[in-house]
N, C-alpha and C. Protein backbone atom coordinates (compact mmCIF):
# COMPACT_ATOMS: atom_id res chain seq x y z
N MET A 1 -10.54 -14.72 -133.37
CA MET A 1 -11.71 -14.07 -132.80
C MET A 1 -11.57 -12.57 -133.05
N ASN A 2 -12.56 -12.00 -133.74
CA ASN A 2 -12.49 -10.57 -134.02
C ASN A 2 -12.97 -9.77 -132.80
N LYS A 3 -12.89 -8.46 -132.91
CA LYS A 3 -13.22 -7.57 -131.79
C LYS A 3 -14.68 -7.71 -131.36
N PHE A 4 -15.60 -7.83 -132.34
CA PHE A 4 -17.02 -7.96 -132.03
C PHE A 4 -17.30 -9.26 -131.28
N GLN A 5 -16.71 -10.36 -131.76
CA GLN A 5 -16.91 -11.66 -131.10
C GLN A 5 -16.34 -11.64 -129.69
N PHE A 6 -15.20 -11.01 -129.50
CA PHE A 6 -14.58 -10.94 -128.19
C PHE A 6 -15.44 -10.13 -127.22
N LYS A 7 -15.99 -9.03 -127.71
CA LYS A 7 -16.87 -8.20 -126.89
C LYS A 7 -18.13 -8.98 -126.48
N PHE A 8 -18.70 -9.72 -127.42
CA PHE A 8 -19.87 -10.55 -127.14
C PHE A 8 -19.53 -11.63 -126.12
N PHE A 9 -18.35 -12.24 -126.27
CA PHE A 9 -17.90 -13.27 -125.34
C PHE A 9 -17.76 -12.70 -123.93
N LEU A 10 -17.16 -11.52 -123.81
CA LEU A 10 -16.98 -10.90 -122.50
C LEU A 10 -18.31 -10.57 -121.83
N LYS A 11 -19.27 -10.09 -122.62
CA LYS A 11 -20.58 -9.75 -122.07
C LYS A 11 -21.30 -11.02 -121.61
N ALA A 12 -21.21 -12.07 -122.39
CA ALA A 12 -21.84 -13.34 -122.01
C ALA A 12 -21.17 -13.91 -120.75
N ALA A 13 -19.86 -13.78 -120.65
CA ALA A 13 -19.15 -14.25 -119.46
C ALA A 13 -19.57 -13.43 -118.23
N TYR A 14 -19.71 -12.14 -118.39
CA TYR A 14 -20.15 -11.25 -117.31
C TYR A 14 -21.54 -11.66 -116.82
N GLU A 15 -22.46 -11.91 -117.76
CA GLU A 15 -23.82 -12.35 -117.40
C GLU A 15 -23.77 -13.66 -116.62
N THR A 16 -22.99 -14.61 -117.10
CA THR A 16 -22.89 -15.91 -116.46
C THR A 16 -22.32 -15.79 -115.05
N ILE A 17 -21.31 -14.96 -114.89
CA ILE A 17 -20.71 -14.75 -113.57
C ILE A 17 -21.72 -14.14 -112.62
N LEU A 18 -22.49 -13.15 -113.09
CA LEU A 18 -23.51 -12.53 -112.23
C LEU A 18 -24.55 -13.56 -111.78
N VAL A 19 -25.02 -14.39 -112.71
CA VAL A 19 -26.02 -15.41 -112.37
C VAL A 19 -25.43 -16.42 -111.39
N PHE A 20 -24.21 -16.87 -111.65
CA PHE A 20 -23.56 -17.82 -110.76
C PHE A 20 -23.42 -17.24 -109.35
N LEU A 21 -22.91 -16.01 -109.26
CA LEU A 21 -22.73 -15.38 -107.95
C LEU A 21 -24.06 -15.18 -107.23
N GLN A 22 -25.09 -14.80 -107.97
CA GLN A 22 -26.41 -14.62 -107.37
C GLN A 22 -26.88 -15.92 -106.73
N PHE A 23 -26.84 -17.02 -107.46
CA PHE A 23 -27.29 -18.30 -106.93
C PHE A 23 -26.39 -18.78 -105.80
N PHE A 24 -25.09 -18.55 -105.91
CA PHE A 24 -24.15 -18.97 -104.88
C PHE A 24 -24.45 -18.25 -103.56
N ILE A 25 -24.67 -16.95 -103.62
CA ILE A 25 -24.96 -16.19 -102.41
C ILE A 25 -26.31 -16.59 -101.82
N ILE A 26 -27.28 -16.85 -102.67
CA ILE A 26 -28.58 -17.32 -102.18
C ILE A 26 -28.41 -18.65 -101.44
N ILE A 27 -27.65 -19.56 -102.01
CA ILE A 27 -27.41 -20.86 -101.37
C ILE A 27 -26.70 -20.69 -100.03
N LEU A 28 -25.77 -19.75 -99.94
CA LEU A 28 -25.04 -19.53 -98.69
C LEU A 28 -25.96 -19.14 -97.54
N HIS A 29 -27.12 -18.57 -97.84
CA HIS A 29 -28.09 -18.22 -96.79
C HIS A 29 -28.59 -19.44 -96.03
N PHE A 30 -28.56 -20.60 -96.66
CA PHE A 30 -29.16 -21.80 -96.08
C PHE A 30 -28.16 -22.74 -95.42
N PHE A 31 -26.88 -22.37 -95.40
CA PHE A 31 -25.86 -23.21 -94.79
C PHE A 31 -25.16 -22.45 -93.67
N ARG A 32 -24.87 -23.17 -92.62
CA ARG A 32 -24.11 -22.59 -91.52
C ARG A 32 -22.70 -23.17 -91.59
N TRP A 33 -21.76 -22.32 -91.86
CA TRP A 33 -20.37 -22.73 -92.00
C TRP A 33 -19.67 -22.56 -90.66
N GLU A 34 -19.13 -23.63 -90.13
CA GLU A 34 -18.48 -23.59 -88.82
C GLU A 34 -17.20 -22.74 -88.84
N PHE A 35 -16.50 -22.72 -89.97
CA PHE A 35 -15.24 -21.99 -90.04
C PHE A 35 -15.42 -20.49 -90.27
N ILE A 36 -16.65 -20.05 -90.54
CA ILE A 36 -16.94 -18.63 -90.72
C ILE A 36 -17.57 -18.11 -89.43
N PRO A 37 -16.96 -17.07 -88.84
CA PRO A 37 -17.53 -16.55 -87.59
C PRO A 37 -18.96 -16.03 -87.82
N GLN A 38 -19.86 -16.41 -86.92
CA GLN A 38 -21.26 -15.99 -87.00
C GLN A 38 -21.54 -14.92 -85.94
N LYS A 39 -20.60 -14.02 -85.76
CA LYS A 39 -20.70 -13.00 -84.72
C LYS A 39 -21.95 -12.16 -84.94
N GLN A 40 -22.76 -12.08 -83.87
CA GLN A 40 -23.97 -11.29 -83.95
C GLN A 40 -23.66 -9.83 -83.68
N ILE A 41 -24.37 -8.96 -84.38
CA ILE A 41 -24.23 -7.52 -84.18
C ILE A 41 -24.90 -7.13 -82.87
N ILE A 42 -26.14 -7.59 -82.70
CA ILE A 42 -26.87 -7.46 -81.44
C ILE A 42 -27.62 -8.76 -81.21
N GLN A 43 -28.09 -8.95 -80.00
CA GLN A 43 -28.81 -10.18 -79.65
C GLN A 43 -30.14 -10.24 -80.40
N VAL A 44 -30.47 -11.41 -80.93
CA VAL A 44 -31.73 -11.62 -81.62
C VAL A 44 -32.85 -11.71 -80.58
N SER A 45 -33.90 -10.96 -80.81
CA SER A 45 -35.06 -11.01 -79.92
C SER A 45 -36.16 -11.81 -80.60
N PRO A 46 -37.16 -12.27 -79.85
CA PRO A 46 -38.29 -12.96 -80.49
C PRO A 46 -38.98 -12.06 -81.53
N PHE A 47 -39.03 -10.75 -81.26
CA PHE A 47 -39.65 -9.83 -82.21
C PHE A 47 -38.87 -9.78 -83.52
N SER A 48 -37.53 -9.65 -83.43
CA SER A 48 -36.74 -9.58 -84.67
C SER A 48 -36.82 -10.90 -85.43
N TYR A 49 -36.85 -12.02 -84.70
CA TYR A 49 -36.97 -13.31 -85.37
C TYR A 49 -38.32 -13.42 -86.09
N LEU A 50 -39.39 -12.99 -85.42
CA LEU A 50 -40.73 -13.02 -86.03
C LEU A 50 -40.81 -12.08 -87.23
N LEU A 51 -40.28 -10.88 -87.08
CA LEU A 51 -40.28 -9.90 -88.17
C LEU A 51 -39.52 -10.43 -89.38
N GLY A 52 -38.32 -10.97 -89.14
CA GLY A 52 -37.53 -11.52 -90.24
C GLY A 52 -38.21 -12.69 -90.92
N SER A 53 -38.83 -13.56 -90.12
CA SER A 53 -39.54 -14.72 -90.68
C SER A 53 -40.72 -14.28 -91.53
N LEU A 54 -41.48 -13.30 -91.05
CA LEU A 54 -42.61 -12.78 -91.83
C LEU A 54 -42.13 -12.15 -93.13
N MET A 55 -40.99 -11.45 -93.06
CA MET A 55 -40.44 -10.84 -94.27
C MET A 55 -40.02 -11.90 -95.28
N ILE A 56 -39.41 -12.98 -94.81
CA ILE A 56 -39.00 -14.07 -95.69
C ILE A 56 -40.22 -14.71 -96.35
N ILE A 57 -41.23 -15.01 -95.57
CA ILE A 57 -42.44 -15.68 -96.09
C ILE A 57 -43.16 -14.78 -97.10
N THR A 58 -43.35 -13.50 -96.75
CA THR A 58 -44.04 -12.56 -97.64
C THR A 58 -43.26 -12.38 -98.94
N SER A 59 -41.96 -12.21 -98.83
CA SER A 59 -41.13 -12.02 -100.03
C SER A 59 -41.11 -13.26 -100.89
N PHE A 60 -41.12 -14.43 -100.28
CA PHE A 60 -41.15 -15.67 -101.04
C PHE A 60 -42.46 -15.80 -101.82
N ILE A 61 -43.57 -15.42 -101.20
CA ILE A 61 -44.87 -15.44 -101.89
C ILE A 61 -44.84 -14.48 -103.08
N ILE A 62 -44.30 -13.29 -102.88
CA ILE A 62 -44.19 -12.31 -103.97
C ILE A 62 -43.30 -12.86 -105.08
N LEU A 63 -42.22 -13.54 -104.70
CA LEU A 63 -41.34 -14.17 -105.69
C LEU A 63 -42.10 -15.19 -106.53
N LEU A 64 -42.91 -16.02 -105.90
CA LEU A 64 -43.70 -17.02 -106.63
C LEU A 64 -44.71 -16.37 -107.56
N VAL A 65 -45.35 -15.30 -107.10
CA VAL A 65 -46.30 -14.57 -107.95
C VAL A 65 -45.58 -13.98 -109.16
N ALA A 66 -44.40 -13.41 -108.94
CA ALA A 66 -43.62 -12.84 -110.05
C ALA A 66 -43.22 -13.90 -111.06
N ILE A 67 -42.83 -15.07 -110.57
CA ILE A 67 -42.48 -16.17 -111.47
C ILE A 67 -43.69 -16.60 -112.29
N LYS A 68 -44.85 -16.71 -111.63
CA LYS A 68 -46.08 -17.09 -112.33
C LYS A 68 -46.44 -16.04 -113.38
N ASP A 69 -46.37 -14.76 -113.01
CA ASP A 69 -46.72 -13.69 -113.95
C ASP A 69 -45.75 -13.61 -115.13
N LEU A 70 -44.50 -13.94 -114.91
CA LEU A 70 -43.52 -13.89 -115.99
C LEU A 70 -43.71 -15.05 -116.96
N GLY A 71 -44.18 -16.18 -116.43
CA GLY A 71 -44.51 -17.33 -117.29
C GLY A 71 -43.34 -17.82 -118.12
N ARG A 72 -43.58 -18.02 -119.41
CA ARG A 72 -42.56 -18.59 -120.31
C ARG A 72 -41.41 -17.62 -120.59
N ASN A 73 -41.51 -16.39 -120.11
CA ASN A 73 -40.45 -15.40 -120.29
C ASN A 73 -39.36 -15.52 -119.23
N LEU A 74 -39.53 -16.43 -118.29
CA LEU A 74 -38.60 -16.58 -117.17
C LEU A 74 -37.25 -17.08 -117.63
N SER A 75 -36.20 -16.43 -117.14
CA SER A 75 -34.83 -16.84 -117.40
C SER A 75 -33.96 -16.31 -116.26
N PRO A 76 -32.97 -17.07 -115.83
CA PRO A 76 -32.09 -16.56 -114.77
C PRO A 76 -31.12 -15.50 -115.30
N PHE A 77 -31.00 -15.40 -116.61
CA PHE A 77 -30.04 -14.47 -117.20
C PHE A 77 -30.68 -13.11 -117.47
N PRO A 78 -29.88 -12.05 -117.44
CA PRO A 78 -30.43 -10.72 -117.69
C PRO A 78 -30.89 -10.51 -119.14
N ARG A 79 -30.32 -11.27 -120.06
CA ARG A 79 -30.71 -11.16 -121.47
C ARG A 79 -32.06 -11.85 -121.67
N PRO A 80 -33.05 -11.13 -122.22
CA PRO A 80 -34.36 -11.76 -122.46
C PRO A 80 -34.24 -12.93 -123.43
N ILE A 81 -35.06 -13.96 -123.23
CA ILE A 81 -35.01 -15.09 -124.14
C ILE A 81 -35.53 -14.66 -125.51
N HIS A 82 -35.20 -15.46 -126.52
CA HIS A 82 -35.42 -15.08 -127.91
C HIS A 82 -36.85 -14.64 -128.22
N ASN A 83 -37.83 -15.45 -127.92
CA ASN A 83 -39.22 -15.15 -128.27
C ASN A 83 -40.01 -14.61 -127.09
N SER A 84 -39.38 -13.80 -126.28
CA SER A 84 -40.05 -13.31 -125.08
C SER A 84 -40.92 -12.09 -125.38
N ASN A 85 -41.83 -11.84 -124.44
CA ASN A 85 -42.69 -10.66 -124.50
C ASN A 85 -42.40 -9.79 -123.29
N LEU A 86 -42.69 -8.51 -123.40
CA LEU A 86 -42.56 -7.61 -122.27
C LEU A 86 -43.79 -7.80 -121.38
N VAL A 87 -43.57 -8.20 -120.14
CA VAL A 87 -44.67 -8.43 -119.20
C VAL A 87 -44.87 -7.16 -118.38
N THR A 88 -46.08 -6.59 -118.49
CA THR A 88 -46.41 -5.36 -117.76
C THR A 88 -47.69 -5.52 -116.94
N THR A 89 -48.13 -6.76 -116.79
CA THR A 89 -49.38 -7.03 -116.06
C THR A 89 -49.05 -7.77 -114.77
N GLY A 90 -50.08 -7.99 -113.97
CA GLY A 90 -49.88 -8.68 -112.70
C GLY A 90 -49.03 -7.83 -111.77
N ILE A 91 -48.12 -8.46 -111.10
CA ILE A 91 -47.25 -7.75 -110.17
C ILE A 91 -46.31 -6.79 -110.89
N TYR A 92 -46.10 -7.03 -112.18
CA TYR A 92 -45.23 -6.17 -112.98
C TYR A 92 -45.88 -4.81 -113.29
N ARG A 93 -47.13 -4.62 -112.90
CA ARG A 93 -47.76 -3.30 -112.99
C ARG A 93 -47.21 -2.37 -111.91
N PHE A 94 -46.70 -2.96 -110.81
CA PHE A 94 -46.28 -2.18 -109.66
C PHE A 94 -44.77 -2.02 -109.55
N THR A 95 -44.04 -3.00 -110.04
CA THR A 95 -42.58 -2.97 -109.97
C THR A 95 -41.99 -3.70 -111.17
N ARG A 96 -40.88 -3.19 -111.68
CA ARG A 96 -40.28 -3.78 -112.88
C ARG A 96 -39.49 -5.05 -112.58
N HIS A 97 -39.00 -5.20 -111.36
CA HIS A 97 -38.13 -6.34 -111.03
C HIS A 97 -38.54 -7.00 -109.71
N PRO A 98 -39.77 -7.51 -109.63
CA PRO A 98 -40.23 -8.06 -108.35
C PRO A 98 -39.43 -9.28 -107.87
N MET A 99 -38.91 -10.08 -108.80
CA MET A 99 -38.13 -11.25 -108.38
C MET A 99 -36.84 -10.81 -107.71
N TYR A 100 -36.15 -9.86 -108.30
CA TYR A 100 -34.90 -9.38 -107.72
C TYR A 100 -35.14 -8.73 -106.36
N TYR A 101 -36.16 -7.89 -106.27
CA TYR A 101 -36.46 -7.23 -105.00
C TYR A 101 -36.89 -8.23 -103.95
N SER A 102 -37.61 -9.26 -104.35
CA SER A 102 -38.01 -10.30 -103.41
C SER A 102 -36.78 -11.01 -102.85
N LEU A 103 -35.82 -11.30 -103.71
CA LEU A 103 -34.59 -11.95 -103.24
C LEU A 103 -33.86 -11.08 -102.23
N ILE A 104 -33.81 -9.78 -102.49
CA ILE A 104 -33.16 -8.88 -101.54
C ILE A 104 -33.92 -8.85 -100.22
N PHE A 105 -35.25 -8.79 -100.28
CA PHE A 105 -36.04 -8.77 -99.05
C PHE A 105 -35.96 -10.10 -98.29
N ILE A 106 -35.83 -11.20 -99.00
CA ILE A 106 -35.60 -12.48 -98.33
C ILE A 106 -34.27 -12.43 -97.59
N SER A 107 -33.25 -11.88 -98.23
CA SER A 107 -31.95 -11.75 -97.61
C SER A 107 -32.01 -10.82 -96.40
N ILE A 108 -32.78 -9.74 -96.50
CA ILE A 108 -32.98 -8.85 -95.35
C ILE A 108 -33.65 -9.62 -94.21
N GLY A 109 -34.63 -10.44 -94.56
CA GLY A 109 -35.31 -11.26 -93.56
C GLY A 109 -34.35 -12.20 -92.85
N PHE A 110 -33.47 -12.85 -93.61
CA PHE A 110 -32.46 -13.72 -92.99
C PHE A 110 -31.57 -12.91 -92.05
N PHE A 111 -31.16 -11.74 -92.50
CA PHE A 111 -30.32 -10.90 -91.65
C PHE A 111 -31.03 -10.54 -90.35
N ILE A 112 -32.30 -10.16 -90.45
CA ILE A 112 -33.05 -9.76 -89.26
C ILE A 112 -33.23 -10.95 -88.29
N THR A 113 -33.38 -12.16 -88.84
CA THR A 113 -33.55 -13.32 -87.94
C THR A 113 -32.23 -13.73 -87.28
N LYS A 114 -31.10 -13.40 -87.88
CA LYS A 114 -29.79 -13.81 -87.34
C LYS A 114 -29.02 -12.64 -86.73
N LEU A 115 -29.18 -11.46 -87.32
CA LEU A 115 -28.46 -10.25 -86.88
C LEU A 115 -26.96 -10.49 -86.74
N SER A 116 -26.40 -11.15 -87.76
CA SER A 116 -24.96 -11.44 -87.74
C SER A 116 -24.25 -10.73 -88.89
N ILE A 117 -22.97 -10.54 -88.70
CA ILE A 117 -22.15 -9.90 -89.73
C ILE A 117 -22.13 -10.74 -91.00
N TYR A 118 -22.13 -12.05 -90.85
CA TYR A 118 -22.15 -12.96 -92.00
C TYR A 118 -23.35 -12.69 -92.89
N TYR A 119 -24.55 -12.60 -92.30
CA TYR A 119 -25.76 -12.36 -93.09
C TYR A 119 -25.83 -10.93 -93.62
N LEU A 120 -25.23 -10.00 -92.92
CA LEU A 120 -25.12 -8.63 -93.44
C LEU A 120 -24.23 -8.63 -94.68
N PHE A 121 -23.13 -9.36 -94.63
CA PHE A 121 -22.24 -9.48 -95.79
C PHE A 121 -22.98 -10.11 -96.97
N LEU A 122 -23.75 -11.18 -96.71
CA LEU A 122 -24.51 -11.82 -97.79
C LEU A 122 -25.53 -10.86 -98.38
N LEU A 123 -26.22 -10.11 -97.53
CA LEU A 123 -27.22 -9.13 -97.98
C LEU A 123 -26.59 -8.07 -98.88
N ILE A 124 -25.50 -7.50 -98.44
CA ILE A 124 -24.84 -6.45 -99.22
C ILE A 124 -24.32 -7.02 -100.54
N SER A 125 -23.72 -8.21 -100.50
CA SER A 125 -23.20 -8.84 -101.72
C SER A 125 -24.32 -9.11 -102.72
N LEU A 126 -25.42 -9.69 -102.23
CA LEU A 126 -26.54 -9.99 -103.11
C LEU A 126 -27.14 -8.72 -103.70
N ALA A 127 -27.29 -7.69 -102.88
CA ALA A 127 -27.85 -6.42 -103.37
C ALA A 127 -26.97 -5.82 -104.46
N LEU A 128 -25.67 -5.88 -104.30
CA LEU A 128 -24.76 -5.35 -105.33
C LEU A 128 -24.85 -6.14 -106.63
N ILE A 129 -24.85 -7.45 -106.51
CA ILE A 129 -24.94 -8.30 -107.71
C ILE A 129 -26.26 -8.04 -108.44
N ILE A 130 -27.34 -7.94 -107.69
CA ILE A 130 -28.64 -7.68 -108.31
C ILE A 130 -28.68 -6.29 -108.93
N LYS A 131 -28.02 -5.33 -108.31
CA LYS A 131 -27.94 -3.98 -108.89
C LYS A 131 -27.26 -4.03 -110.27
N PHE A 132 -26.15 -4.75 -110.37
CA PHE A 132 -25.46 -4.89 -111.66
C PHE A 132 -26.32 -5.65 -112.67
N LYS A 133 -27.00 -6.67 -112.18
CA LYS A 133 -27.84 -7.49 -113.06
C LYS A 133 -29.03 -6.70 -113.59
N ILE A 134 -29.64 -5.89 -112.73
CA ILE A 134 -30.76 -5.04 -113.16
C ILE A 134 -30.29 -4.03 -114.21
N ALA A 135 -29.14 -3.42 -113.98
CA ALA A 135 -28.62 -2.44 -114.94
C ALA A 135 -28.41 -3.08 -116.31
N LEU A 136 -27.85 -4.28 -116.34
CA LEU A 136 -27.63 -4.98 -117.60
C LEU A 136 -28.96 -5.38 -118.24
N GLU A 137 -29.87 -5.90 -117.44
CA GLU A 137 -31.18 -6.31 -117.96
C GLU A 137 -31.94 -5.13 -118.53
N GLU A 138 -31.87 -3.99 -117.87
CA GLU A 138 -32.55 -2.79 -118.36
C GLU A 138 -32.03 -2.40 -119.75
N GLN A 139 -30.73 -2.53 -119.97
CA GLN A 139 -30.17 -2.24 -121.30
C GLN A 139 -30.77 -3.17 -122.35
N TYR A 140 -30.79 -4.45 -122.03
CA TYR A 140 -31.33 -5.43 -122.98
C TYR A 140 -32.81 -5.17 -123.27
N LEU A 141 -33.58 -4.91 -122.22
CA LEU A 141 -35.02 -4.69 -122.40
C LEU A 141 -35.27 -3.42 -123.20
N ASN A 142 -34.49 -2.40 -122.95
CA ASN A 142 -34.62 -1.14 -123.69
C ASN A 142 -34.33 -1.34 -125.18
N ASN A 143 -33.34 -2.18 -125.48
CA ASN A 143 -32.99 -2.44 -126.88
C ASN A 143 -33.99 -3.37 -127.57
N LYS A 144 -34.57 -4.30 -126.83
CA LYS A 144 -35.45 -5.30 -127.43
C LYS A 144 -36.89 -4.81 -127.60
N PHE A 145 -37.40 -4.08 -126.62
CA PHE A 145 -38.80 -3.68 -126.63
C PHE A 145 -38.93 -2.17 -126.79
N LYS A 146 -39.60 -1.77 -127.86
CA LYS A 146 -39.75 -0.33 -128.15
C LYS A 146 -40.51 0.40 -127.06
N ASN A 147 -41.48 -0.28 -126.44
CA ASN A 147 -42.30 0.37 -125.42
C ASN A 147 -41.73 0.24 -124.00
N TYR A 148 -40.51 -0.27 -123.88
CA TYR A 148 -39.93 -0.43 -122.54
C TYR A 148 -39.67 0.93 -121.88
N PHE A 149 -39.26 1.90 -122.66
CA PHE A 149 -38.99 3.24 -122.11
C PHE A 149 -40.26 3.81 -121.47
N LEU A 150 -41.41 3.64 -122.13
CA LEU A 150 -42.68 4.12 -121.56
C LEU A 150 -43.01 3.36 -120.28
N TYR A 151 -42.84 2.05 -120.31
CA TYR A 151 -43.09 1.22 -119.13
C TYR A 151 -42.18 1.64 -117.98
N LYS A 152 -40.92 1.90 -118.30
CA LYS A 152 -39.94 2.29 -117.28
C LYS A 152 -40.33 3.63 -116.64
N ASN A 153 -40.86 4.54 -117.43
CA ASN A 153 -41.28 5.83 -116.88
C ASN A 153 -42.56 5.69 -116.07
N GLU A 154 -43.41 4.74 -116.44
CA GLU A 154 -44.68 4.54 -115.75
C GLU A 154 -44.48 3.78 -114.43
N VAL A 155 -43.62 2.77 -114.45
CA VAL A 155 -43.36 1.93 -113.28
C VAL A 155 -41.93 2.23 -112.85
N LYS A 156 -41.79 3.00 -111.80
CA LYS A 156 -40.46 3.52 -111.41
C LYS A 156 -39.50 2.46 -110.89
N TYR A 157 -39.96 1.49 -110.13
CA TYR A 157 -39.02 0.54 -109.51
C TYR A 157 -39.29 -0.87 -109.94
């Protein structure tokens, strides 16, 4: 394996690990583990539960809209698929990464409904993984699409 192949292998492994960790942390939001302390930071009130639930529902709807708008360009990996197009319409007129931001806001919603250290840990972990994934995806999009730089300047987040 030459240096170029090894570098490509490492980048592909990094992408795969990011995707795996992202899905793993998302799945952890839906399971209650008895052996992991669920210590609450403060007591959950009906208002915080309602606020968190509304945030989850709203973010999930935005996630579905983003998936629909992305269409056949959808991939869990940061590397764009081979015959993909740059999507700048629909919800992508307002934000460059609505699916990632929706996942973070869903995680915030879970945290607000539980107010536990466990969900705070999941939120921070997911946000960090998505930050790394966005940085990698931005590199790929910049290299693949000539007009991505203009889109990036026009749509800040």
